[in-house]
Amino acid sequence: MTAATCENITDPSPDLTVVARVLPEGAIKLPPVPVSAQGVDCVDSENPDDSSDCSPATQGEWDALVADYTAGDSAWFTEDGPRGTFLTSQIDGRYAQTFLFTGDAVTLAPTKTGTDAVIGPPPA
C-alpha cells in the first residue's frame, strides 16, 4: 500500500486546501484513538481545528473501537453506508465527529458528510 498523504487521501476541492497538521516544536501528536494513529492527520484551510485522518485498520481494530465508543451510556452508534460502516454521534440532531470503516481502513472526519472528502489510502 502506498503511504497516505493529505494530497492522496482527500478528494480535491477547488475552494479548499488540505495540508498535514504541523504541530509546534516539541508537541506530541496524541491521536484521537489508536486505530487512527498509523495514518496521516490533515486539516483544511477553512477549519484548522478540524482534522481528517485515514489509517489502515483490521476488522478486529474496528470492533475494538466500536466497543470502546459505544460502551455504557454513550451517544455513539453505528450505521451502514455505501462505503462501509459509520461510527458516529449527533449533537443537536446533526452528525458530529465520524469514523468510517471501509474494510481495510478507518477514516475520521469532523462530520459524517465530511467522510465523503476522505477517499481513503491510495492503492499500492
PDB file of N, CA and C in Angstrom:
ATOM      1  N   MET A   1       0.850  -1.180   0.000  1.00  0.00           N
ATOM      2  CA  MET A   1       0.000   0.000   0.000  1.00  0.00           C
ATOM      3  C   MET A   1       0.893   1.241   0.000  1.00  0.00           C
ATOM      4  N   THR A   2       0.559   2.218  -0.799  1.00  0.00           N
ATOM      5  CA  THR A   2       1.273   3.481  -0.858  1.00  0.00           C
ATOM      6  C   THR A   2       1.007   4.268   0.413  1.00  0.00           C
ATOM      7  N   ALA A   3       2.005   4.985   0.899  1.00  0.00           N
ATOM      8  CA  ALA A   3       1.831   5.790   2.112  1.00  0.00           C
ATOM      9  C   ALA A   3       0.785   6.869   1.882  1.00  0.00           C
ATOM     10  N   ALA A   4      -0.074   7.057   2.861  1.00  0.00           N
ATOM     11  CA  ALA A   4      -1.117   8.075   2.768  1.00  0.00           C
ATOM     12  C   ALA A   4      -0.526   9.456   3.045  1.00  0.00           C
ATOM     13  N   THR A   5      -0.941  10.424   2.247  1.00  0.00           N
ATOM     14  CA  THR A   5      -0.604  11.833   2.464  1.00  0.00           C
ATOM     15  C   THR A   5      -1.900  12.616   2.364  1.00  0.00           C
ATOM     16  N   CYS A   6      -1.892  13.849   2.814  1.00  0.00           N
ATOM     17  CA  CYS A   6      -3.111  14.658   2.727  1.00  0.00           C
ATOM     18  C   CYS A   6      -3.539  14.858   1.272  1.00  0.00           C
ATOM     19  N   GLU A   7      -2.571  14.895   0.372  1.00  0.00           N
ATOM     20  CA  GLU A   7      -2.898  15.101  -1.032  1.00  0.00           C
ATOM     21  C   GLU A   7      -3.554  13.877  -1.672  1.00  0.00           C
ATOM     22  N   ASN A   8      -3.215  12.655  -1.193  1.00  0.00           N
ATOM     23  CA  ASN A   8      -3.769  11.487  -1.863  1.00  0.00           C
ATOM     24  C   ASN A   8      -4.881  10.777  -1.097  1.00  0.00           C
ATOM     25  N   ILE A   9      -5.236  11.258   0.100  1.00  0.00           N
ATOM     26  CA  ILE A   9      -6.370  10.637   0.793  1.00  0.00           C
ATOM     27  C   ILE A   9      -7.631  11.479   0.717  1.00  0.00           C
ATOM     28  N   THR A  10      -7.506  12.716   0.266  1.00  0.00           N
ATOM     29  CA  THR A  10      -8.672  13.592   0.222  1.00  0.00           C
ATOM     30  C   THR A  10      -9.064  13.901  -1.207  1.00  0.00           C
ATOM     31  N   ASP A  11     -10.351  14.112  -1.397  1.00  0.00           N
ATOM     32  CA  ASP A  11     -10.888  14.472  -2.698  1.00  0.00           C
ATOM     33  C   ASP A  11     -10.579  15.947  -2.930  1.00  0.00           C
ATOM     34  N   PRO A  12      -9.868  16.286  -3.990  1.00  0.00           N
ATOM     35  CA  PRO A  12      -9.500  17.686  -4.194  1.00  0.00           C
ATOM     36  C   PRO A  12     -10.723  18.582  -4.362  1.00  0.00           C
ATOM     37  N   SER A  13     -10.634  19.752  -3.782  1.00  0.00           N
ATOM     38  CA  SER A  13     -11.705  20.734  -3.870  1.00  0.00           C
ATOM     39  C   SER A  13     -11.091  22.057  -4.320  1.00  0.00           C
ATOM     40  N   PRO A  14     -11.719  22.737  -5.285  1.00  0.00           N
ATOM     41  CA  PRO A  14     -11.130  23.981  -5.779  1.00  0.00           C
ATOM     42  C   PRO A  14     -11.123  25.101  -4.732  1.00  0.00           C
ATOM     43  N   ASP A  15     -11.970  25.024  -3.711  1.00  0.00           N
ATOM     44  CA  ASP A  15     -12.040  26.107  -2.735  1.00  0.00           C
ATOM     45  C   ASP A  15     -11.503  25.709  -1.366  1.00  0.00           C
ATOM     46  N   LEU A  16     -10.759  24.616  -1.303  1.00  0.00           N
ATOM     47  CA  LEU A  16     -10.274  24.137  -0.019  1.00  0.00           C
ATOM     48  C   LEU A  16      -8.854  23.606  -0.168  1.00  0.00           C
ATOM     49  N   THR A  17      -7.991  23.993   0.717  1.00  0.00           N
ATOM     50  CA  THR A  17      -6.628  23.489   0.725  1.00  0.00           C
ATOM     51  C   THR A  17      -6.476  22.558   1.916  1.00  0.00           C
ATOM     52  N   VAL A  18      -6.049  21.332   1.670  1.00  0.00           N
ATOM     53  CA  VAL A  18      -5.870  20.350   2.738  1.00  0.00           C
ATOM     54  C   VAL A  18      -4.372  20.119   2.910  1.00  0.00           C
ATOM     55  N   VAL A  19      -3.913  20.264   4.143  1.00  0.00           N
ATOM     56  CA  VAL A  19      -2.494  20.113   4.439  1.00  0.00           C
ATOM     57  C   VAL A  19      -2.306  19.249   5.672  1.00  0.00           C
ATOM     58  N   ALA A  20      -1.115  18.690   5.813  1.00  0.00           N
ATOM     59  CA  ALA A  20      -0.800  17.920   7.012  1.00  0.00           C
ATOM     60  C   ALA A  20      -0.735  18.869   8.199  1.00  0.00           C
ATOM     61  N   ARG A  21      -1.261  18.408   9.318  1.00  0.00           N
ATOM     62  CA  ARG A  21      -1.219  19.224  10.534  1.00  0.00           C
ATOM     63  C   ARG A  21       0.236  19.319  10.987  1.00  0.00           C
ATOM     64  N   VAL A  22       0.682  20.537  11.231  1.00  0.00           N
ATOM     65  CA  VAL A  22       2.039  20.769  11.713  1.00  0.00           C
ATOM     66  C   VAL A  22       1.931  21.186  13.176  1.00  0.00           C
ATOM     67  N   LEU A  23       2.472  20.342  14.033  1.00  0.00           N
ATOM     68  CA  LEU A  23       2.426  20.633  15.459  1.00  0.00           C
ATOM     69  C   LEU A  23       3.591  21.530  15.854  1.00  0.00           C
ATOM     70  N   PRO A  24       3.411  22.332  16.902  1.00  0.00           N
ATOM     71  CA  PRO A  24       4.531  23.156  17.366  1.00  0.00           C
ATOM     72  C   PRO A  24       5.711  22.275  17.783  1.00  0.00           C
ATOM     73  N   GLU A  25       6.904  22.815  17.700  1.00  0.00           N
ATOM     74  CA  GLU A  25       8.097  22.051  18.066  1.00  0.00           C
ATOM     75  C   GLU A  25       7.973  21.526  19.493  1.00  0.00           C
ATOM     76  N   GLY A  26       8.249  20.253  19.656  1.00  0.00           N
ATOM     77  CA  GLY A  26       8.179  19.635  20.972  1.00  0.00           C
ATOM     78  C   GLY A  26       6.828  19.042  21.310  1.00  0.00           C
ATOM     79  N   ALA A  27       5.805  19.354  20.526  1.00  0.00           N
ATOM     80  CA  ALA A  27       4.470  18.810  20.801  1.00  0.00           C
ATOM     81  C   ALA A  27       4.438  17.341  20.412  1.00  0.00           C
ATOM     82  N   ILE A  28       3.630  16.587  21.116  1.00  0.00           N
ATOM     83  CA  ILE A  28       3.470  15.164  20.837  1.00  0.00           C
ATOM     84  C   ILE A  28       2.085  14.964  20.239  1.00  0.00           C
ATOM     85  N   LYS A  29       2.026  14.305  19.083  1.00  0.00           N
ATOM     86  CA  LYS A  29       0.730  14.029  18.474  1.00  0.00           C
ATOM     87  C   LYS A  29      -0.003  12.999  19.317  1.00  0.00           C
ATOM     88  N   LEU A  30      -1.146  13.362  19.794  1.00  0.00           N
ATOM     89  CA  LEU A  30      -1.994  12.439  20.538  1.00  0.00           C
ATOM     90  C   LEU A  30      -3.166  12.088  19.647  1.00  0.00           C
ATOM     91  N   PRO A  31      -3.139  10.928  19.021  1.00  0.00           N
ATOM     92  CA  PRO A  31      -4.232  10.571  18.119  1.00  0.00           C
ATOM     93  C   PRO A  31      -5.528  10.413  18.890  1.00  0.00           C
ATOM     94  N   PRO A  32      -6.657  10.663  18.215  1.00  0.00           N
ATOM     95  CA  PRO A  32      -7.941  10.526  18.894  1.00  0.00           C
ATOM     96  C   PRO A  32      -8.158   9.107  19.400  1.00  0.00           C
ATOM     97  N   VAL A  33      -7.679   8.130  18.673  1.00  0.00           N
ATOM     98  CA  VAL A  33      -7.777   6.727  19.079  1.00  0.00           C
ATOM     99  C   VAL A  33      -6.636   5.967  18.433  1.00  0.00           C
ATOM    100  N   PRO A  34      -6.179   4.892  19.053  1.00  0.00           N
ATOM    101  CA  PRO A  34      -5.048   4.161  18.480  1.00  0.00           C
ATOM    102  C   PRO A  34      -5.276   3.668  17.052  1.00  0.00           C
ATOM    103  N   VAL A  35      -6.511   3.344  16.691  1.00  0.00           N
ATOM    104  CA  VAL A  35      -6.763   2.794  15.354  1.00  0.00           C
ATOM    105  C   VAL A  35      -6.420   3.789  14.253  1.00  0.00           C
ATOM    106  N   SER A  36      -6.440   5.084  14.548  1.00  0.00           N
ATOM    107  CA  SER A  36      -6.089   6.062  13.517  1.00  0.00           C
ATOM    108  C   SER A  36      -4.680   6.605  13.680  1.00  0.00           C
ATOM    109  N   ALA A  37      -3.914   6.063  14.614  1.00  0.00           N
ATOM    110  CA  ALA A  37      -2.574   6.578  14.895  1.00  0.00           C
ATOM    111  C   ALA A  37      -1.585   6.331  13.768  1.00  0.00           C
ATOM    112  N   GLN A  38      -1.827   5.326  12.936  1.00  0.00           N
ATOM    113  CA  GLN A  38      -0.892   4.999  11.867  1.00  0.00           C
ATOM    114  C   GLN A  38      -1.053   5.907  10.660  1.00  0.00           C
ATOM    115  N   GLY A  39      -2.101   6.690  10.630  1.00  0.00           N
ATOM    116  CA  GLY A  39      -2.419   7.459   9.440  1.00  0.00           C
ATOM    117  C   GLY A  39      -1.924   8.884   9.468  1.00  0.00           C
ATOM    118  N   VAL A  40      -2.276   9.601   8.435  1.00  0.00           N
ATOM    119  CA  VAL A  40      -1.904  10.997   8.280  1.00  0.00           C
ATOM    120  C   VAL A  40      -3.003  11.865   8.894  1.00  0.00           C
ATOM    121  N   ASP A  41      -2.625  12.972   9.506  1.00  0.00           N
ATOM    122  CA  ASP A  41      -3.566  13.890  10.152  1.00  0.00           C
ATOM    123  C   ASP A  41      -3.599  15.161   9.313  1.00  0.00           C
ATOM    124  N   CYS A  42      -4.744  15.448   8.693  1.00  0.00           N
ATOM    125  CA  CYS A  42      -4.865  16.570   7.766  1.00  0.00           C
ATOM    126  C   CYS A  42      -5.871  17.588   8.281  1.00  0.00           C
ATOM    127  N   VAL A  43      -5.619  18.839   7.969  1.00  0.00           N
ATOM    128  CA  VAL A  43      -6.550  19.912   8.316  1.00  0.00           C
ATOM    129  C   VAL A  43      -6.866  20.700   7.054  1.00  0.00           C
ATOM    130  N   ASP A  44      -8.034  21.367   7.056  1.00  0.00           N
ATOM    131  CA  ASP A  44      -8.371  22.159   5.872  1.00  0.00           C
ATOM    132  C   ASP A  44      -8.217  23.640   6.161  1.00  0.00           C
ATOM    133  N   SER A  45      -8.170  24.410   5.085  1.00  0.00           N
ATOM    134  CA  SER A  45      -7.910  25.840   5.193  1.00  0.00           C
ATOM    135  C   SER A  45      -9.057  26.595   5.867  1.00  0.00           C
ATOM    136  N   GLU A  46     -10.254  26.037   5.867  1.00  0.00           N
ATOM    137  CA  GLU A  46     -11.395  26.711   6.480  1.00  0.00           C
ATOM    138  C   GLU A  46     -11.482  26.461   7.976  1.00  0.00           C
ATOM    139  N   ASN A  47     -11.155  25.243   8.410  1.00  0.00           N
ATOM    140  CA  ASN A  47     -11.295  24.859   9.808  1.00  0.00           C
ATOM    141  C   ASN A  47     -10.036  24.153  10.293  1.00  0.00           C
ATOM    142  N   PRO A  48      -8.997  24.915  10.640  1.00  0.00           N
ATOM    143  CA  PRO A  48      -7.748  24.270  11.026  1.00  0.00           C
ATOM    144  C   PRO A  48      -7.828  23.456  12.314  1.00  0.00           C
ATOM    145  N   ASP A  49      -8.912  23.593  13.076  1.00  0.00           N
ATOM    146  CA  ASP A  49      -9.061  22.791  14.285  1.00  0.00           C
ATOM    147  C   ASP A  49      -9.715  21.445  14.000  1.00  0.00           C
ATOM    148  N   ASP A  50     -10.301  21.282  12.828  1.00  0.00           N
ATOM    149  CA  ASP A  50     -10.934  20.014  12.454  1.00  0.00           C
ATOM    150  C   ASP A  50      -9.947  19.207  11.631  1.00  0.00           C
ATOM    151  N   SER A  51      -9.796  17.943  11.994  1.00  0.00           N
ATOM    152  CA  SER A  51      -8.859  17.130  11.232  1.00  0.00           C
ATOM    153  C   SER A  51      -9.558  15.965  10.561  1.00  0.00           C
ATOM    154  N   SER A  52      -8.947  15.508   9.502  1.00  0.00           N
ATOM    155  CA  SER A  52      -9.373  14.301   8.808  1.00  0.00           C
ATOM    156  C   SER A  52      -8.192  13.354   8.833  1.00  0.00           C
ATOM    157  N   ASP A  53      -8.452  12.111   9.139  1.00  0.00           N
ATOM    158  CA  ASP A  53      -7.399  11.120   9.257  1.00  0.00           C
ATOM    159  C   ASP A  53      -7.782   9.894   8.455  1.00  0.00           C
ATOM    160  N   CYS A  54      -6.794   9.143   8.034  1.00  0.00           N
ATOM    161  CA  CYS A  54      -7.026   7.885   7.359  1.00  0.00           C
ATOM    162  C   CYS A  54      -5.915   6.937   7.748  1.00  0.00           C
ATOM    163  N   SER A  55      -6.281   5.729   8.149  1.00  0.00           N
ATOM    164  CA  SER A  55      -5.285   4.775   8.601  1.00  0.00           C
ATOM    165  C   SER A  55      -5.705   3.362   8.240  1.00  0.00           C
ATOM    166  N   PRO A  56      -4.750   2.512   7.874  1.00  0.00           N
ATOM    167  CA  PRO A  56      -5.086   1.099   7.681  1.00  0.00           C
ATOM    168  C   PRO A  56      -5.650   0.544   8.988  1.00  0.00           C
ATOM    169  N   ALA A  57      -6.589  -0.376   8.894  1.00  0.00           N
ATOM    170  CA  ALA A  57      -7.189  -0.971  10.096  1.00  0.00           C
ATOM    171  C   ALA A  57      -7.759  -2.334   9.766  1.00  0.00           C
ATOM    172  N   THR A  58      -7.721  -3.201  10.748  1.00  0.00           N
ATOM    173  CA  THR A  58      -8.291  -4.542  10.606  1.00  0.00           C
ATOM    174  C   THR A  58      -9.702  -4.565  11.183  1.00  0.00           C
ATOM    175  N   GLN A  59     -10.418  -5.617  10.898  1.00  0.00           N
ATOM    176  CA  GLN A  59     -11.751  -5.791  11.467  1.00  0.00           C
ATOM    177  C   GLN A  59     -11.678  -5.806  12.996  1.00  0.00           C
ATOM    178  N   GLY A  60     -10.658  -6.463  13.548  1.00  0.00           N
ATOM    179  CA  GLY A  60     -10.501  -6.517  14.998  1.00  0.00           C
ATOM    180  C   GLY A  60     -10.283  -5.153  15.617  1.00  0.00           C
ATOM    181  N   GLU A  61      -9.458  -4.321  14.964  1.00  0.00           N
ATOM    182  CA  GLU A  61      -9.238  -2.955  15.463  1.00  0.00           C
ATOM    183  C   GLU A  61     -10.527  -2.142  15.402  1.00  0.00           C
ATOM    184  N   TRP A  62     -11.276  -2.321  14.324  1.00  0.00           N
ATOM    185  CA  TRP A  62     -12.561  -1.627  14.191  1.00  0.00           C
ATOM    186  C   TRP A  62     -13.528  -2.078  15.280  1.00  0.00           C
ATOM    187  N   ASP A  63     -13.634  -3.372  15.492  1.00  0.00           N
ATOM    188  CA  ASP A  63     -14.542  -3.896  16.519  1.00  0.00           C
ATOM    189  C   ASP A  63     -14.189  -3.346  17.897  1.00  0.00           C
ATOM    190  N   ALA A  64     -12.894  -3.244  18.198  1.00  0.00           N
ATOM    191  CA  ALA A  64     -12.462  -2.705  19.491  1.00  0.00           C
ATOM    192  C   ALA A  64     -12.834  -1.222  19.609  1.00  0.00           C
ATOM    193  N   LEU A  65     -12.665  -0.468  18.525  1.00  0.00           N
ATOM    194  CA  LEU A  65     -13.039   0.946  18.519  1.00  0.00           C
ATOM    195  C   LEU A  65     -14.530   1.105  18.772  1.00  0.00           C
ATOM    196  N   VAL A  66     -15.350   0.324  18.072  1.00  0.00           N
ATOM    197  CA  VAL A  66     -16.807   0.397  18.247  1.00  0.00           C
ATOM    198  C   VAL A  66     -17.189   0.033  19.675  1.00  0.00           C
ATOM    199  N   ALA A  67     -16.612  -1.022  20.209  1.00  0.00           N
ATOM    200  CA  ALA A  67     -16.931  -1.447  21.578  1.00  0.00           C
ATOM    201  C   ALA A  67     -16.572  -0.350  22.580  1.00  0.00           C
ATOM    202  N   ASP A  68     -15.425   0.286  22.382  1.00  0.00           N
ATOM    203  CA  ASP A  68     -14.983   1.336  23.293  1.00  0.00           C
ATOM    204  C   ASP A  68     -15.912   2.551  23.234  1.00  0.00           C
ATOM    205  N   TYR A  69     -16.236   2.989  22.029  1.00  0.00           N
ATOM    206  CA  TYR A  69     -17.030   4.206  21.878  1.00  0.00           C
ATOM    207  C   TYR A  69     -18.512   4.018  22.204  1.00  0.00           C
ATOM    208  N   THR A  70     -19.046   2.830  22.051  1.00  0.00           N
ATOM    209  CA  THR A  70     -20.478   2.617  22.280  1.00  0.00           C
ATOM    210  C   THR A  70     -20.786   2.050  23.661  1.00  0.00           C
ATOM    211  N   ALA A  71     -19.782   1.880  24.499  1.00  0.00           N
ATOM    212  CA  ALA A  71     -19.987   1.305  25.836  1.00  0.00           C
ATOM    213  C   ALA A  71     -20.800   2.243  26.732  1.00  0.00           C
ATOM    214  N   GLY A  72     -21.554   1.638  27.615  1.00  0.00           N
ATOM    215  CA  GLY A  72     -22.291   2.411  28.620  1.00  0.00           C
ATOM    216  C   GLY A  72     -23.366   3.300  28.025  1.00  0.00           C
ATOM    217  N   ASP A  73     -23.435   4.519  28.529  1.00  0.00           N
ATOM    218  CA  ASP A  73     -24.463   5.479  28.101  1.00  0.00           C
ATOM    219  C   ASP A  73     -23.994   6.353  26.946  1.00  0.00           C
ATOM    220  N   SER A  74     -23.089   5.853  26.161  1.00  0.00           N
ATOM    221  CA  SER A  74     -22.509   6.618  25.072  1.00  0.00           C
ATOM    222  C   SER A  74     -23.561   7.049  24.051  1.00  0.00           C
ATOM    223  N   ALA A  75     -23.339   8.204  23.451  1.00  0.00           N
ATOM    224  CA  ALA A  75     -24.206   8.697  22.376  1.00  0.00           C
ATOM    225  C   ALA A  75     -23.730   8.217  21.012  1.00  0.00           C
ATOM    226  N   TRP A  76     -22.642   7.458  20.964  1.00  0.00           N
ATOM    227  CA  TRP A  76     -22.103   6.954  19.711  1.00  0.00           C
ATOM    228  C   TRP A  76     -22.906   5.752  19.237  1.00  0.00           C
ATOM    229  N   PHE A  77     -23.037   5.605  17.913  1.00  0.00           N
ATOM    230  CA  PHE A  77     -23.772   4.487  17.329  1.00  0.00           C
ATOM    231  C   PHE A  77     -23.208   4.182  15.950  1.00  0.00           C
ATOM    232  N   THR A  78     -23.543   3.020  15.415  1.00  0.00           N
ATOM    233  CA  THR A  78     -23.076   2.633  14.082  1.00  0.00           C
ATOM    234  C   THR A  78     -24.220   2.698  13.086  1.00  0.00           C
ATOM    235  N   GLU A  79     -23.854   2.938  11.841  1.00  0.00           N
ATOM    236  CA  GLU A  79     -24.798   2.948  10.717  1.00  0.00           C
ATOM    237  C   GLU A  79     -24.077   2.390   9.501  1.00  0.00           C
ATOM    238  N   ASP A  80     -24.770   1.593   8.716  1.00  0.00           N
ATOM    239  CA  ASP A  80     -24.196   1.106   7.463  1.00  0.00           C
ATOM    240  C   ASP A  80     -24.372   2.161   6.389  1.00  0.00           C
ATOM    241  N   GLY A  81     -23.385   2.260   5.516  1.00  0.00           N
ATOM    242  CA  GLY A  81     -23.427   3.213   4.417  1.00  0.00           C
ATOM    243  C   GLY A  81     -22.888   2.575   3.159  1.00  0.00           C
ATOM    244  N   PRO A  82     -22.905   3.296   2.045  1.00  0.00           N
ATOM    245  CA  PRO A  82     -22.462   2.723   0.776  1.00  0.00           C
ATOM    246  C   PRO A  82     -20.969   2.389   0.729  1.00  0.00           C
ATOM    247  N   ARG A  83     -20.144   3.079   1.511  1.00  0.00           N
ATOM    248  CA  ARG A  83     -18.696   2.821   1.511  1.00  0.00           C
ATOM    249  C   ARG A  83     -18.247   1.942   2.662  1.00  0.00           C
ATOM    250  N   GLY A  84     -19.136   1.675   3.628  1.00  0.00           N
ATOM    251  CA  GLY A  84     -18.741   0.882   4.787  1.00  0.00           C
ATOM    252  C   GLY A  84     -19.643   1.157   5.978  1.00  0.00           C
ATOM    253  N   THR A  85     -19.074   1.075   7.167  1.00  0.00           N
ATOM    254  CA  THR A  85     -19.836   1.268   8.397  1.00  0.00           C
ATOM    255  C   THR A  85     -19.355   2.527   9.110  1.00  0.00           C
ATOM    256  N   PHE A  86     -20.319   3.366   9.490  1.00  0.00           N
ATOM    257  CA  PHE A  86     -20.019   4.592  10.221  1.00  0.00           C
ATOM    258  C   PHE A  86     -20.091   4.338  11.720  1.00  0.00           C
ATOM    259  N   LEU A  87     -19.246   4.999  12.466  1.00  0.00           N
ATOM    260  CA  LEU A  87     -19.337   5.104  13.918  1.00  0.00           C
ATOM    261  C   LEU A  87     -19.417   6.595  14.173  1.00  0.00           C
ATOM    262  N   THR A  88     -20.547   7.049  14.685  1.00  0.00           N
ATOM    263  CA  THR A  88     -20.784   8.482  14.733  1.00  0.00           C
ATOM    264  C   THR A  88     -21.598   8.859  15.958  1.00  0.00           C
ATOM    265  N   SER A  89     -21.779  10.149  16.130  1.00  0.00           N
ATOM    266  CA  SER A  89     -22.630  10.671  17.188  1.00  0.00           C
ATOM    267  C   SER A  89     -23.355  11.886  16.622  1.00  0.00           C
ATOM    268  N   GLN A  90     -24.353  12.324  17.347  1.00  0.00           N
ATOM    269  CA  GLN A  90     -25.094  13.501  16.909  1.00  0.00           C
ATOM    270  C   GLN A  90     -25.131  14.520  18.037  1.00  0.00           C
ATOM    271  N   ILE A  91     -25.024  15.784  17.658  1.00  0.00           N
ATOM    272  CA  ILE A  91     -25.170  16.891  18.595  1.00  0.00           C
ATOM    273  C   ILE A  91     -26.264  17.785  18.039  1.00  0.00           C
ATOM    274  N   ASP A  92     -27.312  17.990  18.830  1.00  0.00           N
ATOM    275  CA  ASP A  92     -28.451  18.800  18.399  1.00  0.00           C
ATOM    276  C   ASP A  92     -29.013  18.325  17.059  1.00  0.00           C
ATOM    277  N   GLY A  93     -29.077  17.005  16.871  1.00  0.00           N
ATOM    278  CA  GLY A  93     -29.654  16.428  15.669  1.00  0.00           C
ATOM    279  C   GLY A  93     -28.742  16.440  14.451  1.00  0.00           C
ATOM    280  N   ARG A  94     -27.517  16.923  14.592  1.00  0.00           N
ATOM    281  CA  ARG A  94     -26.572  16.971  13.472  1.00  0.00           C
ATOM    282  C   ARG A  94     -25.423  16.014  13.748  1.00  0.00           C
ATOM    283  N   TYR A  95     -24.975  15.324  12.707  1.00  0.00           N
ATOM    284  CA  TYR A  95     -23.859  14.404  12.854  1.00  0.00           C
ATOM    285  C   TYR A  95     -22.597  15.156  13.241  1.00  0.00           C
ATOM    286  N   ALA A  96     -21.884  14.617  14.202  1.00  0.00           N
ATOM    287  CA  ALA A  96     -20.629  15.203  14.653  1.00  0.00           C
ATOM    288  C   ALA A  96     -19.476  14.329  14.169  1.00  0.00           C
ATOM    289  N   GLN A  97     -18.385  14.319  14.899  1.00  0.00           N
ATOM    290  CA  GLN A  97     -17.209  13.546  14.516  1.00  0.00           C
ATOM    291  C   GLN A  97     -17.611  12.132  14.123  1.00  0.00           C
ATOM    292  N   THR A  98     -17.047  11.641  13.013  1.00  0.00           N
ATOM    293  CA  THR A  98     -17.469  10.351  12.467  1.00  0.00           C
ATOM    294  C   THR A  98     -16.276   9.548  11.964  1.00  0.00           C
ATOM    295  N   PHE A  99     -16.283   8.266  12.311  1.00  0.00           N
ATOM    296  CA  PHE A  99     -15.332   7.301  11.769  1.00  0.00           C
ATOM    297  C   PHE A  99     -16.048   6.509  10.680  1.00  0.00           C
ATOM    298  N   LEU A 100     -15.310   6.076   9.665  1.00  0.00           N
ATOM    299  CA  LEU A 100     -15.857   5.218   8.617  1.00  0.00           C
ATOM    300  C   LEU A 100     -14.895   4.063   8.411  1.00  0.00           C
ATOM    301  N   PHE A 101     -15.395   2.830   8.562  1.00  0.00           N
ATOM    302  CA  PHE A 101     -14.586   1.642   8.326  1.00  0.00           C
ATOM    303  C   PHE A 101     -14.949   1.095   6.960  1.00  0.00           C
ATOM    304  N   THR A 102     -13.941   0.979   6.081  1.00  0.00           N
ATOM    305  CA  THR A 102     -14.185   0.541   4.706  1.00  0.00           C
ATOM    306  C   THR A 102     -13.789  -0.906   4.468  1.00  0.00           C
ATOM    307  N   GLY A 103     -13.393  -1.598   5.518  1.00  0.00           N
ATOM    308  CA  GLY A 103     -12.985  -2.984   5.382  1.00  0.00           C
ATOM    309  C   GLY A 103     -11.493  -3.171   5.547  1.00  0.00           C
ATOM    310  N   ASP A 104     -10.716  -2.158   5.158  1.00  0.00           N
ATOM    311  CA  ASP A 104      -9.266  -2.233   5.342  1.00  0.00           C
ATOM    312  C   ASP A 104      -8.661  -0.941   5.861  1.00  0.00           C
ATOM    313  N   ALA A 105      -9.517   0.061   6.095  1.00  0.00           N
ATOM    314  CA  ALA A 105      -9.033   1.349   6.606  1.00  0.00           C
ATOM    315  C   ALA A 105     -10.134   2.029   7.422  1.00  0.00           C
ATOM    316  N   VAL A 106      -9.703   2.921   8.292  1.00  0.00           N
ATOM    317  CA  VAL A 106     -10.628   3.764   9.045  1.00  0.00           C
ATOM    318  C   VAL A 106     -10.319   5.205   8.684  1.00  0.00           C
ATOM    319  N   THR A 107     -11.351   5.953   8.343  1.00  0.00           N
ATOM    320  CA  THR A 107     -11.192   7.388   8.143  1.00  0.00           C
ATOM    321  C   THR A 107     -11.928   8.086   9.270  1.00  0.00           C
ATOM    322  N   LEU A 108     -11.475   9.269   9.582  1.00  0.00           N
ATOM    323  CA  LEU A 108     -12.091  10.091  10.622  1.00  0.00           C
ATOM    324  C   LEU A 108     -12.280  11.473  10.044  1.00  0.00           C
ATOM    325  N   ALA A 109     -13.451  12.035  10.223  1.00  0.00           N
ATOM    326  CA  ALA A 109     -13.733  13.379   9.727  1.00  0.00           C
ATOM    327  C   ALA A 109     -14.558  14.127  10.777  1.00  0.00           C
ATOM    328  N   PRO A 110     -14.586  15.457  10.691  1.00  0.00           N
ATOM    329  CA  PRO A 110     -15.326  16.239  11.668  1.00  0.00           C
ATOM    330  C   PRO A 110     -16.834  15.985  11.655  1.00  0.00           C
ATOM    331  N   THR A 111     -17.361  15.525  10.513  1.00  0.00           N
ATOM    332  CA  THR A 111     -18.791  15.227  10.393  1.00  0.00           C
ATOM    333  C   THR A 111     -18.968  13.977   9.547  1.00  0.00           C
ATOM    334  N   LYS A 112     -20.176  13.436   9.547  1.00  0.00           N
ATOM    335  CA  LYS A 112     -20.444  12.254   8.732  1.00  0.00           C
ATOM    336  C   LYS A 112     -20.278  12.576   7.250  1.00  0.00           C
ATOM    337  N   THR A 113     -20.814  13.687   6.782  1.00  0.00           N
ATOM    338  CA  THR A 113     -20.652  14.041   5.371  1.00  0.00           C
ATOM    339  C   THR A 113     -19.201  14.361   5.048  1.00  0.00           C
ATOM    340  N   GLY A 114     -18.436  14.777   6.042  1.00  0.00           N
ATOM    341  CA  GLY A 114     -17.020  15.051   5.834  1.00  0.00           C
ATOM    342  C   GLY A 114     -16.233  13.819   5.436  1.00  0.00           C
ATOM    343  N   THR A 115     -16.743  12.628   5.774  1.00  0.00           N
ATOM    344  CA  THR A 115     -16.037  11.408   5.369  1.00  0.00           C
ATOM    345  C   THR A 115     -16.061  11.236   3.852  1.00  0.00           C
ATOM    346  N   ASP A 116     -16.995  11.900   3.165  1.00  0.00           N
ATOM    347  CA  ASP A 116     -17.046  11.820   1.694  1.00  0.00           C
ATOM    348  C   ASP A 116     -15.780  12.375   1.063  1.00  0.00           C
ATOM    349  N   ALA A 117     -15.170  13.381   1.706  1.00  0.00           N
ATOM    350  CA  ALA A 117     -13.984  14.011   1.138  1.00  0.00           C
ATOM    351  C   ALA A 117     -12.718  13.205   1.387  1.00  0.00           C
ATOM    352  N   VAL A 118     -12.782  12.248   2.336  1.00  0.00           N
ATOM    353  CA  VAL A 118     -11.614  11.405   2.616  1.00  0.00           C
ATOM    354  C   VAL A 118     -11.793  10.142   1.792  1.00  0.00           C
ATOM    355  N   ILE A 119     -11.029  10.054   0.713  1.00  0.00           N
ATOM    356  CA  ILE A 119     -11.232   8.950  -0.222  1.00  0.00           C
ATOM    357  C   ILE A 119     -10.471   7.699   0.170  1.00  0.00           C
ATOM    358  N   GLY A 120      -9.678   7.789   1.223  1.00  0.00           N
ATOM    359  CA  GLY A 120      -9.004   6.613   1.735  1.00  0.00           C
ATOM    360  C   GLY A 120      -7.579   6.487   1.279  1.00  0.00           C
ATOM    361  N   PRO A 121      -6.899   5.471   1.791  1.00  0.00           N
ATOM    362  CA  PRO A 121      -5.494   5.322   1.425  1.00  0.00           C
ATOM    363  C   PRO A 121      -5.362   5.000  -0.056  1.00  0.00           C
ATOM    364  N   PRO A 122      -4.295   5.472  -0.658  1.00  0.00           N
ATOM    365  CA  PRO A 122      -4.106   5.209  -2.093  1.00  0.00           C
ATOM    366  C   PRO A 122      -3.812   3.746  -2.347  1.00  0.00           C
ATOM    367  N   PRO A 123      -4.171   3.252  -3.521  1.00  0.00           N
ATOM    368  CA  PRO A 123      -3.831   1.866  -3.844  1.00  0.00           C
ATOM    369  C   PRO A 123      -2.318   1.707  -3.996  1.00  0.00           C
ATOM    370  N   ALA A 124      -1.856   0.504  -3.850  1.00  0.00           N
ATOM    371  CA  ALA A 124      -0.403   0.226  -3.950  1.00  0.00           C
ATOM    372  C   ALA A 124       0.108   0.551  -5.332  1.00  0.00           C
TER     373      ALA A 124
END
